[in-house]
């Protein structure tokens, strides 16, 4: 296996202590749901305003190492005509790109899905690299249903897709983030979540190793291990921290460059509290930090309320939210 020092340098920069990755990679449709929270129609100029406020927030680079964008965002510019990737790069923030094309039902596997997007990915990576992207993300989706899903077969097929994406990313000089999201919605217990997350990650890393992906130039984006949102017994931060780290120690090779968390439908404060509990357990074999989307954007959106006069206030809230999560990743929030 050839080593790629550039990949390692990129991964190390993304995982810098006290910094996290902002996942501003919602599709245009999902961005519309964010805009609906502030009563704005889902139009290109409103999506552009939303992104520009995020990316130009003063001092955000103190707590954010990278930003994952969607195809329409990485091609977009500020009102002054500066491409978004250039705005981020000038602040010392690394531009990233989500490259999967969403999920489709997996035939004959009820309730399970497969992620699309490998077609033309080599060419797309070349374009994104030329636009400034130095890391990428691909998400698979795993739902937990009593004794039925996920099946190992579906986990394996998604692992193969993630692995092929990771190979192509590394070949293009781009650090792959692999994101097997365990869906929080459901009535599953903490024990079920731990079992499924462990199995998902074990199959994924077995496949990555089998196909010679360089783990030292790859980042895992993982769900936290917690009971489903409709389970009668919700999980405390201490339980989340213990179950999550147990899972990682059972599943994630030490060669992996690092781990970032998705917030996965948790309320912003809860995601931060759980991250802090994990940080409090001290150093692990991998750097661990956050890569939140809604948990960072929701407080910002509430402050902005879609009104131009609230832009500066919203950016202050964004900075405060990023700072809180930075402290939490270090286990120093309280």
C-alpha atoms as a PDB file:
ATOM      1  CA  UNK A   1       0.000   0.000   0.000  1.00  0.00           C
ATOM      2  CA  UNK A   2       1.469   3.341  -1.018  1.00  0.00           C
ATOM      3  CA  UNK A   3       1.468   6.031   1.639  1.00  0.00           C
ATOM      4  CA  UNK A   4       0.108   9.460   0.904  1.00  0.00           C
ATOM      5  CA  UNK A   5       1.563  12.057   3.213  1.00  0.00           C
ATOM      6  CA  UNK A   6      -0.853  14.707   1.919  1.00  0.00           C
ATOM      7  CA  UNK A   7      -3.823  12.601   3.015  1.00  0.00           C
ATOM      8  CA  UNK A   8      -2.337  12.224   6.490  1.00  0.00           C
ATOM      9  CA  UNK A   9      -1.684  15.969   6.746  1.00  0.00           C
ATOM     10  CA  UNK A  10      -5.257  16.749   5.680  1.00  0.00           C
ATOM     11  CA  UNK A  11      -6.719  14.280   8.185  1.00  0.00           C
ATOM     12  CA  UNK A  12      -4.536  15.657  10.987  1.00  0.00           C
ATOM     13  CA  UNK A  13      -5.628  19.228  10.190  1.00  0.00           C
ATOM     14  CA  UNK A  14      -9.309  18.216  10.245  1.00  0.00           C
ATOM     15  CA  UNK A  15      -8.844  16.472  13.590  1.00  0.00           C
ATOM     16  CA  UNK A  16      -6.871  19.290  15.254  1.00  0.00           C
ATOM     17  CA  UNK A  17      -7.465  19.379  19.001  1.00  0.00           C
ATOM     18  CA  UNK A  18     -10.370  21.619  20.011  1.00  0.00           C
ATOM     19  CA  UNK A  19     -11.762  21.893  16.488  1.00  0.00           C
ATOM     20  CA  UNK A  20     -14.593  20.126  14.671  1.00  0.00           C
ATOM     21  CA  UNK A  21     -16.103  19.814  11.206  1.00  0.00           C
ATOM     22  CA  UNK A  22     -19.297  21.680  10.313  1.00  0.00           C
ATOM     23  CA  UNK A  23     -21.599  19.499   8.209  1.00  0.00           C
ATOM     24  CA  UNK A  24     -23.276  22.131   6.036  1.00  0.00           C
ATOM     25  CA  UNK A  25     -23.911  19.519   3.361  1.00  0.00           C
ATOM     26  CA  UNK A  26     -27.694  19.320   3.305  1.00  0.00           C
ATOM     27  CA  UNK A  27     -29.175  18.685  -0.107  1.00  0.00           C
ATOM     28  CA  UNK A  28     -31.143  21.580  -1.587  1.00  0.00           C
ATOM     29  CA  UNK A  29     -34.318  19.858  -0.376  1.00  0.00           C
ATOM     30  CA  UNK A  30     -33.092  19.434   3.200  1.00  0.00           C
ATOM     31  CA  UNK A  31     -31.745  23.000   3.202  1.00  0.00           C
ATOM     32  CA  UNK A  32     -35.331  23.992   2.456  1.00  0.00           C
ATOM     33  CA  UNK A  33     -36.402  22.378   5.732  1.00  0.00           C
ATOM     34  CA  UNK A  34     -33.815  24.505   7.551  1.00  0.00           C
ATOM     35  CA  UNK A  35     -35.128  27.635   5.811  1.00  0.00           C
ATOM     36  CA  UNK A  36     -38.705  26.666   6.681  1.00  0.00           C
ATOM     37  CA  UNK A  37     -37.696  26.998  10.356  1.00  0.00           C
ATOM     38  CA  UNK A  38     -37.185  30.726   9.695  1.00  0.00           C
ATOM     39  CA  UNK A  39     -40.179  31.068   7.362  1.00  0.00           C
ATOM     40  CA  UNK A  40     -38.127  31.528   4.177  1.00  0.00           C
ATOM     41  CA  UNK A  41     -39.022  29.843   0.881  1.00  0.00           C
ATOM     42  CA  UNK A  42     -36.570  27.283  -0.483  1.00  0.00           C
ATOM     43  CA  UNK A  43     -35.028  29.478  -3.184  1.00  0.00           C
ATOM     44  CA  UNK A  44     -31.376  29.630  -4.333  1.00  0.00           C
ATOM     45  CA  UNK A  45     -30.824  33.160  -2.995  1.00  0.00           C
ATOM     46  CA  UNK A  46     -32.089  32.181   0.470  1.00  0.00           C
ATOM     47  CA  UNK A  47     -29.866  29.097   0.537  1.00  0.00           C
ATOM     48  CA  UNK A  48     -26.958  31.309  -0.513  1.00  0.00           C
ATOM     49  CA  UNK A  49     -27.682  33.823   2.284  1.00  0.00           C
ATOM     50  CA  UNK A  50     -27.862  30.978   4.820  1.00  0.00           C
ATOM     51  CA  UNK A  51     -24.514  29.523   3.709  1.00  0.00           C
ATOM     52  CA  UNK A  52     -22.776  32.897   3.398  1.00  0.00           C
ATOM     53  CA  UNK A  53     -23.668  33.816   6.978  1.00  0.00           C
ATOM     54  CA  UNK A  54     -22.287  30.465   8.178  1.00  0.00           C
ATOM     55  CA  UNK A  55     -19.067  30.559   6.177  1.00  0.00           C
ATOM     56  CA  UNK A  56     -18.166  34.206   6.799  1.00  0.00           C
ATOM     57  CA  UNK A  57     -18.819  34.212  10.562  1.00  0.00           C
ATOM     58  CA  UNK A  58     -15.904  36.025  12.261  1.00  0.00           C
ATOM     59  CA  UNK A  59     -13.502  33.768  14.209  1.00  0.00           C
ATOM     60  CA  UNK A  60     -15.322  30.529  13.343  1.00  0.00           C
ATOM     61  CA  UNK A  61     -11.920  29.137  12.314  1.00  0.00           C
ATOM     62  CA  UNK A  62     -10.969  29.007  16.011  1.00  0.00           C
ATOM     63  CA  UNK A  63     -13.329  26.064  16.471  1.00  0.00           C
ATOM     64  CA  UNK A  64     -13.986  24.711  12.958  1.00  0.00           C
ATOM     65  CA  UNK A  65     -11.313  22.897  10.935  1.00  0.00           C
ATOM     66  CA  UNK A  66     -13.420  21.960   7.917  1.00  0.00           C
ATOM     67  CA  UNK A  67     -16.827  22.444   6.316  1.00  0.00           C
ATOM     68  CA  UNK A  68     -18.641  19.769   4.307  1.00  0.00           C
ATOM     69  CA  UNK A  69     -20.615  21.290   1.439  1.00  0.00           C
ATOM     70  CA  UNK A  70     -23.216  20.075  -1.017  1.00  0.00           C
ATOM     71  CA  UNK A  71     -22.647  20.256  -4.784  1.00  0.00           C
ATOM     72  CA  UNK A  72     -24.655  23.468  -5.207  1.00  0.00           C
ATOM     73  CA  UNK A  73     -22.809  25.134  -2.295  1.00  0.00           C
ATOM     74  CA  UNK A  74     -19.258  24.345  -3.397  1.00  0.00           C
ATOM     75  CA  UNK A  75     -20.154  25.969  -6.735  1.00  0.00           C
ATOM     76  CA  UNK A  76     -21.696  29.016  -5.044  1.00  0.00           C
ATOM     77  CA  UNK A  77     -20.201  32.410  -4.147  1.00  0.00           C
ATOM     78  CA  UNK A  78     -20.707  35.301  -1.746  1.00  0.00           C
ATOM     79  CA  UNK A  79     -22.596  38.431  -2.753  1.00  0.00           C
ATOM     80  CA  UNK A  80     -19.180  39.868  -3.687  1.00  0.00           C
ATOM     81  CA  UNK A  81     -18.533  36.953  -6.035  1.00  0.00           C
ATOM     82  CA  UNK A  82     -15.944  35.096  -3.909  1.00  0.00           C
ATOM     83  CA  UNK A  83     -16.385  31.297  -4.287  1.00  0.00           C
ATOM     84  CA  UNK A  84     -17.364  29.673  -0.981  1.00  0.00           C
ATOM     85  CA  UNK A  85     -14.351  27.301  -1.018  1.00  0.00           C
ATOM     86  CA  UNK A  86     -12.045  30.339  -1.322  1.00  0.00           C
ATOM     87  CA  UNK A  87     -13.817  32.053   1.604  1.00  0.00           C
ATOM     88  CA  UNK A  88     -13.170  29.004   3.779  1.00  0.00           C
ATOM     89  CA  UNK A  89      -9.594  28.445   2.610  1.00  0.00           C
ATOM     90  CA  UNK A  90      -8.739  32.087   3.351  1.00  0.00           C
ATOM     91  CA  UNK A  91      -9.871  31.502   6.953  1.00  0.00           C
ATOM     92  CA  UNK A  92      -7.745  28.353   7.244  1.00  0.00           C
ATOM     93  CA  UNK A  93     -10.841  26.118   7.068  1.00  0.00           C
ATOM     94  CA  UNK A  94     -10.674  23.106   4.766  1.00  0.00           C
ATOM     95  CA  UNK A  95     -13.451  22.767   2.145  1.00  0.00           C
ATOM     96  CA  UNK A  96     -15.096  19.344   1.903  1.00  0.00           C
ATOM     97  CA  UNK A  97     -17.811  17.827  -0.258  1.00  0.00           C
ATOM     98  CA  UNK A  98     -20.619  15.308   0.212  1.00  0.00           C
ATOM     99  CA  UNK A  99     -20.510  13.006  -2.816  1.00  0.00           C
ATOM    100  CA  UNK A 100     -23.169  10.355  -2.249  1.00  0.00           C
ATOM    101  CA  UNK A 101     -26.470  10.823  -4.085  1.00  0.00           C
ATOM    102  CA  UNK A 102     -28.841   9.630  -1.377  1.00  0.00           C
ATOM    103  CA  UNK A 103     -30.434   6.269  -0.667  1.00  0.00           C
ATOM    104  CA  UNK A 104     -32.722   3.893  -2.542  1.00  0.00           C
ATOM    105  CA  UNK A 105     -34.643   0.889  -1.266  1.00  0.00           C
ATOM    106  CA  UNK A 106     -32.554  -2.277  -1.332  1.00  0.00           C
ATOM    107  CA  UNK A 107     -34.520  -4.774  -3.402  1.00  0.00           C
ATOM    108  CA  UNK A 108     -35.923  -7.720  -1.408  1.00  0.00           C
ATOM    109  CA  UNK A 109     -34.586  -6.292   1.873  1.00  0.00           C
ATOM    110  CA  UNK A 110     -37.616  -4.769   3.552  1.00  0.00           C
ATOM    111  CA  UNK A 111     -36.869  -1.481   5.316  1.00  0.00           C
ATOM    112  CA  UNK A 112     -33.215  -1.400   4.231  1.00  0.00           C
ATOM    113  CA  UNK A 113     -31.564   1.012   1.825  1.00  0.00           C
ATOM    114  CA  UNK A 114     -28.431   1.319  -0.285  1.00  0.00           C
ATOM    115  CA  UNK A 115     -26.565   4.549  -1.010  1.00  0.00           C
ATOM    116  CA  UNK A 116     -26.111   5.684  -4.623  1.00  0.00           C
ATOM    117  CA  UNK A 117     -23.383   7.798  -6.202  1.00  0.00           C
ATOM    118  CA  UNK A 118     -20.439   5.784  -7.536  1.00  0.00           C
ATOM    119  CA  UNK A 119     -21.187   6.580 -11.193  1.00  0.00           C
ATOM    120  CA  UNK A 120     -18.676   9.104 -12.583  1.00  0.00           C
ATOM    121  CA  UNK A 121     -17.227   9.602  -9.113  1.00  0.00           C
ATOM    122  CA  UNK A 122     -13.639   9.694 -10.396  1.00  0.00           C
ATOM    123  CA  UNK A 123     -14.520  12.620 -12.671  1.00  0.00           C
ATOM    124  CA  UNK A 124     -16.536  14.336  -9.959  1.00  0.00           C
ATOM    125  CA  UNK A 125     -13.626  14.043  -7.521  1.00  0.00           C
ATOM    126  CA  UNK A 126     -11.323  15.685 -10.065  1.00  0.00           C
ATOM    127  CA  UNK A 127     -13.747  18.604 -10.415  1.00  0.00           C
ATOM    128  CA  UNK A 128     -14.187  18.958  -6.665  1.00  0.00           C
ATOM    129  CA  UNK A 129     -10.428  18.804  -6.088  1.00  0.00           C
ATOM    130  CA  UNK A 130      -9.966  21.597  -8.625  1.00  0.00           C
ATOM    131  CA  UNK A 131     -12.589  23.641  -6.717  1.00  0.00           C
ATOM    132  CA  UNK A 132     -10.588  23.234  -3.501  1.00  0.00           C
ATOM    133  CA  UNK A 133     -12.144  20.207  -1.788  1.00  0.00           C
ATOM    134  CA  UNK A 134      -9.620  18.162   0.173  1.00  0.00           C
ATOM    135  CA  UNK A 135     -11.978  15.804   1.981  1.00  0.00           C
ATOM    136  CA  UNK A 136     -15.311  14.167   1.206  1.00  0.00           C
ATOM    137  CA  UNK A 137     -18.208  12.375   2.856  1.00  0.00           C
ATOM    138  CA  UNK A 138     -20.380   9.397   1.946  1.00  0.00           C
ATOM    139  CA  UNK A 139     -23.298   8.365   4.170  1.00  0.00           C
ATOM    140  CA  UNK A 140     -25.008   5.018   4.494  1.00  0.00           C
ATOM    141  CA  UNK A 141     -28.175   4.572   6.542  1.00  0.00           C
ATOM    142  CA  UNK A 142     -28.850   1.795   9.055  1.00  0.00           C
ATOM    143  CA  UNK A 143     -32.239   1.450  10.761  1.00  0.00           C
ATOM    144  CA  UNK A 144     -32.870  -0.802  13.759  1.00  0.00           C
ATOM    145  CA  UNK A 145     -36.041  -2.855  13.782  1.00  0.00           C
ATOM    146  CA  UNK A 146     -36.825  -5.582  16.312  1.00  0.00           C
ATOM    147  CA  UNK A 147     -35.046  -8.789  15.198  1.00  0.00           C
ATOM    148  CA  UNK A 148     -35.304  -7.915  11.500  1.00  0.00           C
ATOM    149  CA  UNK A 149     -32.991  -5.117  10.481  1.00  0.00           C
ATOM    150  CA  UNK A 150     -30.263  -4.514   9.799  1.00  0.00           C
ATOM    151  CA  UNK A 151     -29.229  -7.689   8.016  1.00  0.00           C
ATOM    152  CA  UNK A 152     -25.552  -8.506   7.614  1.00  0.00           C
ATOM    153  CA  UNK A 153     -26.114  -8.678   3.850  1.00  0.00           C
ATOM    154  CA  UNK A 154     -27.313  -5.062   3.691  1.00  0.00           C
ATOM    155  CA  UNK A 155     -24.516  -3.935   6.003  1.00  0.00           C
ATOM    156  CA  UNK A 156     -21.979  -5.678   3.774  1.00  0.00           C
ATOM    157  CA  UNK A 157     -23.329  -4.167   0.562  1.00  0.00           C
ATOM    158  CA  UNK A 158     -23.236  -0.653   2.022  1.00  0.00           C
ATOM    159  CA  UNK A 159     -19.728  -1.342   3.355  1.00  0.00           C
ATOM    160  CA  UNK A 160     -18.613  -2.246  -0.169  1.00  0.00           C
ATOM    161  CA  UNK A 161     -20.074   1.017  -1.525  1.00  0.00           C
ATOM    162  CA  UNK A 162     -18.355   3.021   1.234  1.00  0.00           C
ATOM    163  CA  UNK A 163     -15.104   1.182   0.525  1.00  0.00           C
ATOM    164  CA  UNK A 164     -15.186   1.825  -3.218  1.00  0.00           C
ATOM    165  CA  UNK A 165     -15.901   5.508  -2.546  1.00  0.00           C
ATOM    166  CA  UNK A 166     -12.969   5.618  -0.097  1.00  0.00           C
ATOM    167  CA  UNK A 167     -10.628   4.044  -2.661  1.00  0.00           C
ATOM    168  CA  UNK A 168     -11.595   6.610  -5.313  1.00  0.00           C
ATOM    169  CA  UNK A 169     -11.305   9.500  -2.842  1.00  0.00           C
ATOM    170  CA  UNK A 170      -7.801   8.542  -1.776  1.00  0.00           C
ATOM    171  CA  UNK A 171      -6.772   8.025  -5.395  1.00  0.00           C
ATOM    172  CA  UNK A 172      -7.895  11.625  -6.050  1.00  0.00           C
ATOM    173  CA  UNK A 173      -5.894  12.990  -3.089  1.00  0.00           C
ATOM    174  CA  UNK A 174      -9.039  13.518  -1.022  1.00  0.00           C
ATOM    175  CA  UNK A 175      -9.534  12.235   2.547  1.00  0.00           C
ATOM    176  CA  UNK A 176     -12.679  10.088   2.743  1.00  0.00           C
ATOM    177  CA  UNK A 177     -15.057  10.423   5.675  1.00  0.00           C
ATOM    178  CA  UNK A 178     -17.124   7.233   5.921  1.00  0.00           C
ATOM    179  CA  UNK A 179     -20.466   7.724   7.662  1.00  0.00           C
ATOM    180  CA  UNK A 180     -22.574   4.667   8.518  1.00  0.00           C
ATOM    181  CA  UNK A 181     -25.412   6.437  10.333  1.00  0.00           C
ATOM    182  CA  UNK A 182     -27.399   4.374  12.825  1.00  0.00           C
ATOM    183  CA  UNK A 183     -30.811   6.038  12.787  1.00  0.00           C
ATOM    184  CA  UNK A 184     -31.841   7.388  16.200  1.00  0.00           C
ATOM    185  CA  UNK A 185     -35.576   7.156  15.450  1.00  0.00           C
ATOM    186  CA  UNK A 186     -37.134   4.016  16.904  1.00  0.00           C
ATOM    187  CA  UNK A 187     -37.910   2.211  20.125  1.00  0.00           C
ATOM    188  CA  UNK A 188     -34.699   0.169  20.288  1.00  0.00           C
ATOM    189  CA  UNK A 189     -32.777  -0.106  23.554  1.00  0.00           C
ATOM    190  CA  UNK A 190     -29.255   1.089  24.273  1.00  0.00           C
ATOM    191  CA  UNK A 191     -28.119  -2.544  24.159  1.00  0.00           C
ATOM    192  CA  UNK A 192     -29.585  -3.027  20.667  1.00  0.00           C
ATOM    193  CA  UNK A 193     -27.995   0.198  19.472  1.00  0.00           C
ATOM    194  CA  UNK A 194     -24.616  -0.902  20.804  1.00  0.00           C
ATOM    195  CA  UNK A 195     -24.881  -4.332  19.208  1.00  0.00           C
ATOM    196  CA  UNK A 196     -25.919  -2.945  15.810  1.00  0.00           C
ATOM    197  CA  UNK A 197     -23.342  -0.137  15.806  1.00  0.00           C
ATOM    198  CA  UNK A 198     -20.567  -2.574  16.728  1.00  0.00           C
ATOM    199  CA  UNK A 199     -21.596  -5.002  13.962  1.00  0.00           C
ATOM    200  CA  UNK A 200     -21.935  -2.205  11.396  1.00  0.00           C
ATOM    201  CA  UNK A 201     -18.477  -0.824  12.146  1.00  0.00           C
ATOM    202  CA  UNK A 202     -16.852  -4.255  12.266  1.00  0.00           C
ATOM    203  CA  UNK A 203     -18.198  -5.164   8.824  1.00  0.00           C
ATOM    204  CA  UNK A 204     -17.207  -1.754   7.457  1.00  0.00           C
ATOM    205  CA  UNK A 205     -13.615  -1.894   8.693  1.00  0.00           C
ATOM    206  CA  UNK A 206     -13.185  -5.544   7.663  1.00  0.00           C
ATOM    207  CA  UNK A 207     -14.204  -4.481   4.145  1.00  0.00           C
ATOM    208  CA  UNK A 208     -11.987  -1.387   4.111  1.00  0.00           C
ATOM    209  CA  UNK A 209      -9.007  -3.505   5.156  1.00  0.00           C
ATOM    210  CA  UNK A 210      -9.854  -6.273   2.677  1.00  0.00           C
ATOM    211  CA  UNK A 211      -9.765  -3.777  -0.202  1.00  0.00           C
ATOM    212  CA  UNK A 212      -6.590  -2.052   1.031  1.00  0.00           C
ATOM    213  CA  UNK A 213      -7.978   1.367   1.895  1.00  0.00           C
ATOM    214  CA  UNK A 214      -5.348   3.344   3.811  1.00  0.00           C
ATOM    215  CA  UNK A 215      -6.986   3.744   7.223  1.00  0.00           C
ATOM    216  CA  UNK A 216      -4.409   6.339   8.288  1.00  0.00           C
ATOM    217  CA  UNK A 217      -5.896   8.611   5.611  1.00  0.00           C
ATOM    218  CA  UNK A 218      -9.555   7.952   6.476  1.00  0.00           C
ATOM    219  CA  UNK A 219     -11.951   9.391   9.070  1.00  0.00           C
ATOM    220  CA  UNK A 220     -14.975   7.622  10.560  1.00  0.00           C
ATOM    221  CA  UNK A 221     -18.135   9.679  11.070  1.00  0.00           C
ATOM    222  CA  UNK A 222     -20.153   7.754  13.613  1.00  0.00           C
ATOM    223  CA  UNK A 223     -23.423   7.930  15.456  1.00  0.00           C
ATOM    224  CA  UNK A 224     -23.263   8.059  19.231  1.00  0.00           C
ATOM    225  CA  UNK A 225     -24.607   4.869  20.790  1.00  0.00           C
ATOM    226  CA  UNK A 226     -27.924   5.658  22.495  1.00  0.00           C
ATOM    227  CA  UNK A 227     -31.417   4.247  22.851  1.00  0.00           C
ATOM    228  CA  UNK A 228     -33.970   5.052  20.158  1.00  0.00           C
ATOM    229  CA  UNK A 229     -35.837   8.328  20.514  1.00  0.00           C
ATOM    230  CA  UNK A 230     -39.110   6.556  21.406  1.00  0.00           C
ATOM    231  CA  UNK A 231     -37.596   4.047  23.841  1.00  0.00           C
ATOM    232  CA  UNK A 232     -39.137   4.513  27.311  1.00  0.00           C
ATOM    233  CA  UNK A 233     -35.719   4.586  28.985  1.00  0.00           C
ATOM    234  CA  UNK A 234     -33.586   7.367  27.501  1.00  0.00           C
ATOM    235  CA  UNK A 235     -29.814   7.153  27.855  1.00  0.00           C
ATOM    236  CA  UNK A 236     -27.810   9.383  30.208  1.00  0.00           C
ATOM    237  CA  UNK A 237     -24.653  11.105  28.909  1.00  0.00           C
ATOM    238  CA  UNK A 238     -22.482   8.774  31.013  1.00  0.00           C
ATOM    239  CA  UNK A 239     -24.181   5.702  29.524  1.00  0.00           C
ATOM    240  CA  UNK A 240     -23.834   7.102  26.004  1.00  0.00           C
ATOM    241  CA  UNK A 241     -20.123   7.743  26.555  1.00  0.00           C
ATOM    242  CA  UNK A 242     -19.420   4.278  27.920  1.00  0.00           C
ATOM    243  CA  UNK A 243     -21.423   2.418  25.269  1.00  0.00           C
ATOM    244  CA  UNK A 244     -19.964   4.503  22.432  1.00  0.00           C
ATOM    245  CA  UNK A 245     -16.352   4.040  23.457  1.00  0.00           C
ATOM    246  CA  UNK A 246     -16.913   0.325  24.115  1.00  0.00           C
ATOM    247  CA  UNK A 247     -18.201   0.056  20.561  1.00  0.00           C
ATOM    248  CA  UNK A 248     -15.206   1.886  19.100  1.00  0.00           C
ATOM    249  CA  UNK A 249     -12.725  -0.260  21.018  1.00  0.00           C
ATOM    250  CA  UNK A 250     -14.467  -3.369  19.660  1.00  0.00           C
ATOM    251  CA  UNK A 251     -14.650  -2.121  16.076  1.00  0.00           C
ATOM    252  CA  UNK A 252     -12.297   0.661  14.993  1.00  0.00           C
ATOM    253  CA  UNK A 253      -8.641  -0.168  14.227  1.00  0.00           C
ATOM    254  CA  UNK A 254      -6.133   2.135  15.897  1.00  0.00           C
ATOM    255  CA  UNK A 255      -4.719   3.002  12.458  1.00  0.00           C
ATOM    256  CA  UNK A 256      -7.879   4.970  11.601  1.00  0.00           C
ATOM    257  CA  UNK A 257      -6.995   8.684  11.443  1.00  0.00           C
ATOM    258  CA  UNK A 258      -9.823   9.702  13.771  1.00  0.00           C
ATOM    259  CA  UNK A 259     -13.515   9.772  14.568  1.00  0.00           C
ATOM    260  CA  UNK A 260     -16.076  12.571  14.272  1.00  0.00           C
ATOM    261  CA  UNK A 261     -19.662  12.416  15.530  1.00  0.00           C
ATOM    262  CA  UNK A 262     -22.898  13.227  13.783  1.00  0.00           C
ATOM    263  CA  UNK A 263     -25.624  14.646  15.997  1.00  0.00           C
ATOM    264  CA  UNK A 264     -28.163  12.320  14.384  1.00  0.00           C
ATOM    265  CA  UNK A 265     -31.448  13.930  15.328  1.00  0.00           C
ATOM    266  CA  UNK A 266     -30.498  14.714  18.924  1.00  0.00           C
ATOM    267  CA  UNK A 267     -31.460  18.115  20.299  1.00  0.00           C
ATOM    268  CA  UNK A 268     -28.445  20.458  20.141  1.00  0.00           C
ATOM    269  CA  UNK A 269     -27.892  20.583  23.913  1.00  0.00           C
ATOM    270  CA  UNK A 270     -28.169  16.827  24.255  1.00  0.00           C
ATOM    271  CA  UNK A 271     -25.639  16.188  21.477  1.00  0.00           C
ATOM    272  CA  UNK A 272     -23.205  18.573  23.191  1.00  0.00           C
ATOM    273  CA  UNK A 273     -23.754  17.009  26.641  1.00  0.00           C
ATOM    274  CA  UNK A 274     -23.117  13.527  25.251  1.00  0.00           C
ATOM    275  CA  UNK A 275     -19.992  14.734  23.426  1.00  0.00           C
ATOM    276  CA  UNK A 276     -18.732  16.269  26.683  1.00  0.00           C
ATOM    277  CA  UNK A 277     -19.289  12.994  28.565  1.00  0.00           C
ATOM    278  CA  UNK A 278     -17.219  11.178  25.929  1.00  0.00           C
ATOM    279  CA  UNK A 279     -14.498  13.837  26.122  1.00  0.00           C
ATOM    280  CA  UNK A 280     -14.387  13.517  29.923  1.00  0.00           C
ATOM    281  CA  UNK A 281     -13.301   9.879  29.594  1.00  0.00           C
ATOM    282  CA  UNK A 282      -9.925  11.118  28.375  1.00  0.00           C
ATOM    283  CA  UNK A 283      -7.559  10.295  25.544  1.00  0.00           C
ATOM    284  CA  UNK A 284      -8.397   7.441  23.186  1.00  0.00           C
ATOM    285  CA  UNK A 285      -6.386   5.679  20.456  1.00  0.00           C
ATOM    286  CA  UNK A 286      -7.927   8.117  17.930  1.00  0.00           C
ATOM    287  CA  UNK A 287      -8.637  11.850  17.982  1.00  0.00           C
ATOM    288  CA  UNK A 288     -12.401  12.278  18.542  1.00  0.00           C
ATOM    289  CA  UNK A 289     -14.422  15.415  17.781  1.00  0.00           C
ATOM    290  CA  UNK A 290     -17.729  16.634  16.351  1.00  0.00           C
ATOM    291  CA  UNK A 291     -19.118  16.962  12.832  1.00  0.00           C
ATOM    292  CA  UNK A 292     -22.588  18.264  13.627  1.00  0.00           C
ATOM    293  CA  UNK A 293     -25.123  19.750  11.246  1.00  0.00           C
ATOM    294  CA  UNK A 294     -28.468  20.542  12.850  1.00  0.00           C
ATOM    295  CA  UNK A 295     -26.986  20.700  16.361  1.00  0.00           C
ATOM    296  CA  UNK A 296     -24.876  23.670  15.233  1.00  0.00           C
ATOM    297  CA  UNK A 297     -27.217  25.205  12.676  1.00  0.00           C
ATOM    298  CA  UNK A 298     -30.436  25.162  14.710  1.00  0.00           C
ATOM    299  CA  UNK A 299     -29.350  27.726  17.364  1.00  0.00           C
ATOM    300  CA  UNK A 300     -27.939  29.883  14.541  1.00  0.00           C
ATOM    301  CA  UNK A 301     -31.207  29.686  12.590  1.00  0.00           C
ATOM    302  CA  UNK A 302     -33.263  30.585  15.661  1.00  0.00           C
ATOM    303  CA  UNK A 303     -31.135  33.707  16.167  1.00  0.00           C
ATOM    304  CA  UNK A 304     -31.182  34.665  12.486  1.00  0.00           C
ATOM    305  CA  UNK A 305     -34.922  34.145  11.952  1.00  0.00           C
ATOM    306  CA  UNK A 306     -34.380  34.835   8.247  1.00  0.00           C
ATOM    307  CA  UNK A 307     -33.967  38.577   8.829  1.00  0.00           C
ATOM    308  CA  UNK A 308     -30.969  40.498   7.408  1.00  0.00           C
ATOM    309  CA  UNK A 309     -30.734  42.697  10.508  1.00  0.00           C
ATOM    310  CA  UNK A 310     -30.165  39.583  12.664  1.00  0.00           C
ATOM    311  CA  UNK A 311     -27.141  38.373  10.654  1.00  0.00           C
ATOM    312  CA  UNK A 312     -24.431  39.526  13.068  1.00  0.00           C
ATOM    313  CA  UNK A 313     -26.325  38.240  16.100  1.00  0.00           C
ATOM    314  CA  UNK A 314     -26.791  34.850  14.407  1.00  0.00           C
ATOM    315  CA  UNK A 315     -23.071  34.660  13.649  1.00  0.00           C
ATOM    316  CA  UNK A 316     -22.300  35.365  17.322  1.00  0.00           C
ATOM    317  CA  UNK A 317     -24.621  32.503  18.338  1.00  0.00           C
ATOM    318  CA  UNK A 318     -22.916  30.262  15.770  1.00  0.00           C
ATOM    319  CA  UNK A 319     -19.508  31.078  17.226  1.00  0.00           C
ATOM    320  CA  UNK A 320     -20.737  30.401  20.761  1.00  0.00           C
ATOM    321  CA  UNK A 321     -22.262  27.061  19.687  1.00  0.00           C
ATOM    322  CA  UNK A 322     -19.046  25.985  17.960  1.00  0.00           C
ATOM    323  CA  UNK A 323     -17.048  27.015  21.037  1.00  0.00           C
ATOM    324  CA  UNK A 324     -19.325  24.974  23.310  1.00  0.00           C
ATOM    325  CA  UNK A 325     -18.854  21.892  21.135  1.00  0.00           C
ATOM    326  CA  UNK A 326     -15.115  22.487  20.968  1.00  0.00           C
ATOM    327  CA  UNK A 327     -14.994  22.510  24.787  1.00  0.00           C
ATOM    328  CA  UNK A 328     -17.229  19.432  24.900  1.00  0.00           C
ATOM    329  CA  UNK A 329     -14.948  17.494  22.544  1.00  0.00           C
ATOM    330  CA  UNK A 330     -12.171  18.123  25.067  1.00  0.00           C
ATOM    331  CA  UNK A 331     -14.420  17.131  27.975  1.00  0.00           C
ATOM    332  CA  UNK A 332     -14.103  20.650  29.420  1.00  0.00           C
ATOM    333  CA  UNK A 333     -17.633  21.987  29.131  1.00  0.00           C
ATOM    334  CA  UNK A 334     -18.405  21.781  32.852  1.00  0.00           C
END
